[in-house]
Amino acid sequence: MEFKIPTMSCGHCVGAVTKAVKAVDPKAEVTVDLVTKQVTVQTSGERQAVAASLAEAGYPVQ
């Protein structure tokens, strides 16, 4: 699944986004591209749960 997160801007953001995804699924694979502000997640978790966790961490998705 892919998410666009326009508020990401630095390495701290990458860590926070990764932590938020792994709170839903600790085995998830997270790839973050700061240039395009795109996050790719490979997980068995539900998209809605991942999006909610990201929003709760301060990174609402588009």
PDB file of N, CA and C in Angstrom:
ATOM      1  N   MET A   1       0.841  -1.173   0.000  1.00  0.00           N
ATOM      2  CA  MET A   1       0.000   0.000   0.000  1.00  0.00           C
ATOM      3  C   MET A   1       0.886   1.236   0.000  1.00  0.00           C
ATOM      4  N   GLU A   2       0.375   2.303  -0.592  1.00  0.00           N
ATOM      5  CA  GLU A   2       1.148   3.535  -0.670  1.00  0.00           C
ATOM      6  C   GLU A   2       0.353   4.681  -0.061  1.00  0.00           C
ATOM      7  N   PHE A   3       1.101   5.584   0.558  1.00  0.00           N
ATOM      8  CA  PHE A   3       0.506   6.759   1.180  1.00  0.00           C
ATOM      9  C   PHE A   3       1.311   7.987   0.774  1.00  0.00           C
ATOM     10  N   LYS A   4       0.625   9.089   0.559  1.00  0.00           N
ATOM     11  CA  LYS A   4       1.266  10.380   0.320  1.00  0.00           C
ATOM     12  C   LYS A   4       1.147  11.149   1.633  1.00  0.00           C
ATOM     13  N   ILE A   5       2.310  11.572   2.180  1.00  0.00           N
ATOM     14  CA  ILE A   5       2.308  12.289   3.450  1.00  0.00           C
ATOM     15  C   ILE A   5       3.049  13.614   3.244  1.00  0.00           C
ATOM     16  N   PRO A   6       2.321  14.681   2.904  1.00  0.00           N
ATOM     17  CA  PRO A   6       2.957  15.955   2.562  1.00  0.00           C
ATOM     18  C   PRO A   6       3.688  16.637   3.717  1.00  0.00           C
ATOM     19  N   THR A   7       3.427  16.244   4.953  1.00  0.00           N
ATOM     20  CA  THR A   7       4.068  16.913   6.091  1.00  0.00           C
ATOM     21  C   THR A   7       5.446  16.347   6.434  1.00  0.00           C
ATOM     22  N   MET A   8       5.879  15.281   5.768  1.00  0.00           N
ATOM     23  CA  MET A   8       7.217  14.723   6.039  1.00  0.00           C
ATOM     24  C   MET A   8       8.289  15.636   5.466  1.00  0.00           C
ATOM     25  N   SER A   9       9.347  15.875   6.263  1.00  0.00           N
ATOM     26  CA  SER A   9      10.387  16.759   5.755  1.00  0.00           C
ATOM     27  C   SER A   9      11.800  16.393   6.189  1.00  0.00           C
ATOM     28  N   CYS A  10      11.960  15.423   7.102  1.00  0.00           N
ATOM     29  CA  CYS A  10      13.307  15.154   7.611  1.00  0.00           C
ATOM     30  C   CYS A  10      13.456  13.705   8.088  1.00  0.00           C
ATOM     31  N   GLY A  11      14.639  13.390   8.547  1.00  0.00           N
ATOM     32  CA  GLY A  11      14.920  12.059   9.049  1.00  0.00           C
ATOM     33  C   GLY A  11      14.072  11.695  10.259  1.00  0.00           C
ATOM     34  N   HIS A  12      13.785  12.681  11.105  1.00  0.00           N
ATOM     35  CA  HIS A  12      12.934  12.423  12.267  1.00  0.00           C
ATOM     36  C   HIS A  12      11.552  11.966  11.802  1.00  0.00           C
ATOM     37  N   CYS A  13      11.045  12.611  10.756  1.00  0.00           N
ATOM     38  CA  CYS A  13       9.742  12.234  10.199  1.00  0.00           C
ATOM     39  C   CYS A  13       9.762  10.780   9.734  1.00  0.00           C
ATOM     40  N   VAL A  14      10.833  10.392   9.068  1.00  0.00           N
ATOM     41  CA  VAL A  14      10.967   9.020   8.577  1.00  0.00           C
ATOM     42  C   VAL A  14      10.868   8.036   9.742  1.00  0.00           C
ATOM     43  N   GLY A  15      11.584   8.326  10.829  1.00  0.00           N
ATOM     44  CA  GLY A  15      11.547   7.455  12.003  1.00  0.00           C
ATOM     45  C   GLY A  15      10.173   7.386  12.633  1.00  0.00           C
ATOM     46  N   ALA A  16       9.512   8.533  12.728  1.00  0.00           N
ATOM     47  CA  ALA A  16       8.185   8.579  13.344  1.00  0.00           C
ATOM     48  C   ALA A  16       7.156   7.835  12.494  1.00  0.00           C
ATOM     49  N   VAL A  17       7.245   7.999  11.182  1.00  0.00           N
ATOM     50  CA  VAL A  17       6.329   7.309  10.276  1.00  0.00           C
ATOM     51  C   VAL A  17       6.552   5.802  10.350  1.00  0.00           C
ATOM     52  N   THR A  18       7.809   5.395  10.341  1.00  0.00           N
ATOM     53  CA  THR A  18       8.136   3.970  10.429  1.00  0.00           C
ATOM     54  C   THR A  18       7.619   3.384  11.742  1.00  0.00           C
ATOM     55  N   LYS A  19       7.821   4.100  12.832  1.00  0.00           N
ATOM     56  CA  LYS A  19       7.365   3.639  14.150  1.00  0.00           C
ATOM     57  C   LYS A  19       5.833   3.507  14.174  1.00  0.00           C
ATOM     58  N   ALA A  20       5.145   4.460  13.564  1.00  0.00           N
ATOM     59  CA  ALA A  20       3.680   4.422  13.540  1.00  0.00           C
ATOM     60  C   ALA A  20       3.174   3.207  12.766  1.00  0.00           C
ATOM     61  N   VAL A  21       3.820   2.907  11.638  1.00  0.00           N
ATOM     62  CA  VAL A  21       3.408   1.732  10.855  1.00  0.00           C
ATOM     63  C   VAL A  21       3.686   0.460  11.640  1.00  0.00           C
ATOM     64  N   LYS A  22       4.845   0.378  12.270  1.00  0.00           N
ATOM     65  CA  LYS A  22       5.222  -0.830  12.997  1.00  0.00           C
ATOM     66  C   LYS A  22       4.393  -1.020  14.270  1.00  0.00           C
ATOM     67  N   ALA A  23       3.728   0.028  14.733  1.00  0.00           N
ATOM     68  CA  ALA A  23       2.805  -0.115  15.861  1.00  0.00           C
ATOM     69  C   ALA A  23       1.595  -0.956  15.450  1.00  0.00           C
ATOM     70  N   VAL A  24       1.248  -0.902  14.178  1.00  0.00           N
ATOM     71  CA  VAL A  24       0.138  -1.705  13.649  1.00  0.00           C
ATOM     72  C   VAL A  24       0.620  -3.112  13.316  1.00  0.00           C
ATOM     73  N   ASP A  25       1.794  -3.197  12.673  1.00  0.00           N
ATOM     74  CA  ASP A  25       2.357  -4.491  12.272  1.00  0.00           C
ATOM     75  C   ASP A  25       3.876  -4.436  12.435  1.00  0.00           C
ATOM     76  N   PRO A  26       4.400  -5.020  13.521  1.00  0.00           N
ATOM     77  CA  PRO A  26       5.847  -4.977  13.774  1.00  0.00           C
ATOM     78  C   PRO A  26       6.695  -5.584  12.659  1.00  0.00           C
ATOM     79  N   LYS A  27       6.101  -6.436  11.837  1.00  0.00           N
ATOM     80  CA  LYS A  27       6.855  -7.070  10.756  1.00  0.00           C
ATOM     81  C   LYS A  27       6.720  -6.322   9.425  1.00  0.00           C
ATOM     82  N   ALA A  28       6.043  -5.202   9.426  1.00  0.00           N
ATOM     83  CA  ALA A  28       5.825  -4.440   8.192  1.00  0.00           C
ATOM     84  C   ALA A  28       7.145  -3.954   7.616  1.00  0.00           C
ATOM     85  N   GLU A  29       7.195  -3.881   6.284  1.00  0.00           N
ATOM     86  CA  GLU A  29       8.338  -3.297   5.598  1.00  0.00           C
ATOM     87  C   GLU A  29       7.928  -1.903   5.158  1.00  0.00           C
ATOM     88  N   VAL A  30       8.719  -0.905   5.559  1.00  0.00           N
ATOM     89  CA  VAL A  30       8.378   0.487   5.292  1.00  0.00           C
ATOM     90  C   VAL A  30       9.486   1.128   4.453  1.00  0.00           C
ATOM     91  N   THR A  31       9.101   1.732   3.350  1.00  0.00           N
ATOM     92  CA  THR A  31      10.037   2.464   2.511  1.00  0.00           C
ATOM     93  C   THR A  31       9.529   3.894   2.400  1.00  0.00           C
ATOM     94  N   VAL A  32      10.408   4.851   2.748  1.00  0.00           N
ATOM     95  CA  VAL A  32      10.011   6.257   2.738  1.00  0.00           C
ATOM     96  C   VAL A  32      10.864   7.014   1.730  1.00  0.00           C
ATOM     97  N   ASP A  33      10.204   7.805   0.881  1.00  0.00           N
ATOM     98  CA  ASP A  33      10.898   8.673  -0.063  1.00  0.00           C
ATOM     99  C   ASP A  33      10.552  10.116   0.301  1.00  0.00           C
ATOM    100  N   LEU A  34      11.504  10.801   0.952  1.00  0.00           N
ATOM    101  CA  LEU A  34      11.248  12.174   1.388  1.00  0.00           C
ATOM    102  C   LEU A  34      11.067  13.134   0.225  1.00  0.00           C
ATOM    103  N   VAL A  35      11.728  12.886  -0.883  1.00  0.00           N
ATOM    104  CA  VAL A  35      11.634  13.790  -2.030  1.00  0.00           C
ATOM    105  C   VAL A  35      10.206  13.841  -2.567  1.00  0.00           C
ATOM    106  N   THR A  36       9.594  12.667  -2.728  1.00  0.00           N
ATOM    107  CA  THR A  36       8.226  12.609  -3.251  1.00  0.00           C
ATOM    108  C   THR A  36       7.182  12.572  -2.137  1.00  0.00           C
ATOM    109  N   LYS A  37       7.658  12.480  -0.883  1.00  0.00           N
ATOM    110  CA  LYS A  37       6.783  12.394   0.297  1.00  0.00           C
ATOM    111  C   LYS A  37       5.846  11.187   0.223  1.00  0.00           C
ATOM    112  N   GLN A  38       6.407  10.101  -0.308  1.00  0.00           N
ATOM    113  CA  GLN A  38       5.659   8.864  -0.524  1.00  0.00           C
ATOM    114  C   GLN A  38       6.141   7.787   0.452  1.00  0.00           C
ATOM    115  N   VAL A  39       5.204   7.058   1.025  1.00  0.00           N
ATOM    116  CA  VAL A  39       5.516   5.948   1.909  1.00  0.00           C
ATOM    117  C   VAL A  39       4.909   4.682   1.325  1.00  0.00           C
ATOM    118  N   THR A  40       5.746   3.658   1.172  1.00  0.00           N
ATOM    119  CA  THR A  40       5.271   2.364   0.689  1.00  0.00           C
ATOM    120  C   THR A  40       5.364   1.384   1.845  1.00  0.00           C
ATOM    121  N   VAL A  41       4.276   0.671   2.097  1.00  0.00           N
ATOM    122  CA  VAL A  41       4.205  -0.256   3.224  1.00  0.00           C
ATOM    123  C   VAL A  41       3.793  -1.634   2.733  1.00  0.00           C
ATOM    124  N   GLN A  42       4.573  -2.631   3.113  1.00  0.00           N
ATOM    125  CA  GLN A  42       4.185  -4.021   2.866  1.00  0.00           C
ATOM    126  C   GLN A  42       3.807  -4.601   4.223  1.00  0.00           C
ATOM    127  N   THR A  43       2.524  -4.910   4.372  1.00  0.00           N
ATOM    128  CA  THR A  43       2.015  -5.353   5.665  1.00  0.00           C
ATOM    129  C   THR A  43       0.794  -6.246   5.477  1.00  0.00           C
ATOM    130  N   SER A  44       0.527  -7.022   6.496  1.00  0.00           N
ATOM    131  CA  SER A  44      -0.700  -7.811   6.512  1.00  0.00           C
ATOM    132  C   SER A  44      -1.810  -7.036   7.223  1.00  0.00           C
ATOM    133  N   GLY A  45      -1.452  -5.862   7.773  1.00  0.00           N
ATOM    134  CA  GLY A  45      -2.434  -5.025   8.455  1.00  0.00           C
ATOM    135  C   GLY A  45      -3.366  -4.341   7.477  1.00  0.00           C
ATOM    136  N   GLU A  46      -4.445  -3.787   8.001  1.00  0.00           N
ATOM    137  CA  GLU A  46      -5.432  -3.119   7.164  1.00  0.00           C
ATOM    138  C   GLU A  46      -4.992  -1.689   6.867  1.00  0.00           C
ATOM    139  N   ARG A  47      -5.295  -1.234   5.658  1.00  0.00           N
ATOM    140  CA  ARG A  47      -4.914   0.112   5.229  1.00  0.00           C
ATOM    141  C   ARG A  47      -5.464   1.167   6.191  1.00  0.00           C
ATOM    142  N   GLN A  48      -6.712   1.016   6.592  1.00  0.00           N
ATOM    143  CA  GLN A  48      -7.344   1.992   7.481  1.00  0.00           C
ATOM    144  C   GLN A  48      -6.607   2.078   8.819  1.00  0.00           C
ATOM    145  N   ALA A  49      -6.163   0.947   9.351  1.00  0.00           N
ATOM    146  CA  ALA A  49      -5.453   0.927  10.627  1.00  0.00           C
ATOM    147  C   ALA A  49      -4.094   1.624  10.489  1.00  0.00           C
ATOM    148  N   VAL A  50      -3.405   1.384   9.382  1.00  0.00           N
ATOM    149  CA  VAL A  50      -2.103   2.028   9.155  1.00  0.00           C
ATOM    150  C   VAL A  50      -2.300   3.536   9.009  1.00  0.00           C
ATOM    151  N   ALA A  51      -3.284   3.947   8.224  1.00  0.00           N
ATOM    152  CA  ALA A  51      -3.561   5.374   8.023  1.00  0.00           C
ATOM    153  C   ALA A  51      -3.925   6.052   9.342  1.00  0.00           C
ATOM    154  N   ALA A  52      -4.701   5.385  10.174  1.00  0.00           N
ATOM    155  CA  ALA A  52      -5.095   5.941  11.470  1.00  0.00           C
ATOM    156  C   ALA A  52      -3.889   6.093  12.385  1.00  0.00           C
ATOM    157  N   SER A  53      -2.995   5.122  12.375  1.00  0.00           N
ATOM    158  CA  SER A  53      -1.796   5.191  13.201  1.00  0.00           C
ATOM    159  C   SER A  53      -0.890   6.335  12.743  1.00  0.00           C
ATOM    160  N   LEU A  54      -0.768   6.513  11.441  1.00  0.00           N
ATOM    161  CA  LEU A  54       0.032   7.620  10.905  1.00  0.00           C
ATOM    162  C   LEU A  54      -0.565   8.962  11.302  1.00  0.00           C
ATOM    163  N   ALA A  55      -1.870   9.092  11.183  1.00  0.00           N
ATOM    164  CA  ALA A  55      -2.544  10.343  11.552  1.00  0.00           C
ATOM    165  C   ALA A  55      -2.374  10.645  13.035  1.00  0.00           C
ATOM    166  N   GLU A  56      -2.479   9.596  13.857  1.00  0.00           N
ATOM    167  CA  GLU A  56      -2.329   9.764  15.305  1.00  0.00           C
ATOM    168  C   GLU A  56      -0.918  10.224  15.651  1.00  0.00           C
ATOM    169  N   ALA A  57       0.068   9.807  14.846  1.00  0.00           N
ATOM    170  CA  ALA A  57       1.455  10.210  15.077  1.00  0.00           C
ATOM    171  C   ALA A  57       1.744  11.612  14.529  1.00  0.00           C
ATOM    172  N   GLY A  58       0.735  12.226  13.901  1.00  0.00           N
ATOM    173  CA  GLY A  58       0.912  13.588  13.380  1.00  0.00           C
ATOM    174  C   GLY A  58       1.234  13.649  11.896  1.00  0.00           C
ATOM    175  N   TYR A  59       1.008  12.535  11.210  1.00  0.00           N
ATOM    176  CA  TYR A  59       1.303  12.470   9.780  1.00  0.00           C
ATOM    177  C   TYR A  59       0.075  11.994   9.008  1.00  0.00           C
ATOM    178  N   PRO A  60      -0.939  12.865   8.867  1.00  0.00           N
ATOM    179  CA  PRO A  60      -2.132  12.464   8.130  1.00  0.00           C
ATOM    180  C   PRO A  60      -1.804  12.183   6.663  1.00  0.00           C
ATOM    181  N   VAL A  61      -2.428  11.177   6.124  1.00  0.00           N
ATOM    182  CA  VAL A  61      -2.164  10.776   4.745  1.00  0.00           C
ATOM    183  C   VAL A  61      -3.167  11.431   3.797  1.00  0.00           C
ATOM    184  N   GLN A  62      -2.764  11.485   2.540  1.00  0.00           N
ATOM    185  CA  GLN A  62      -3.667  11.996   1.507  1.00  0.00           C
ATOM    186  C   GLN A  62      -4.115  10.856   0.643  1.00  0.00           C
TER     187      GLN A  62
END
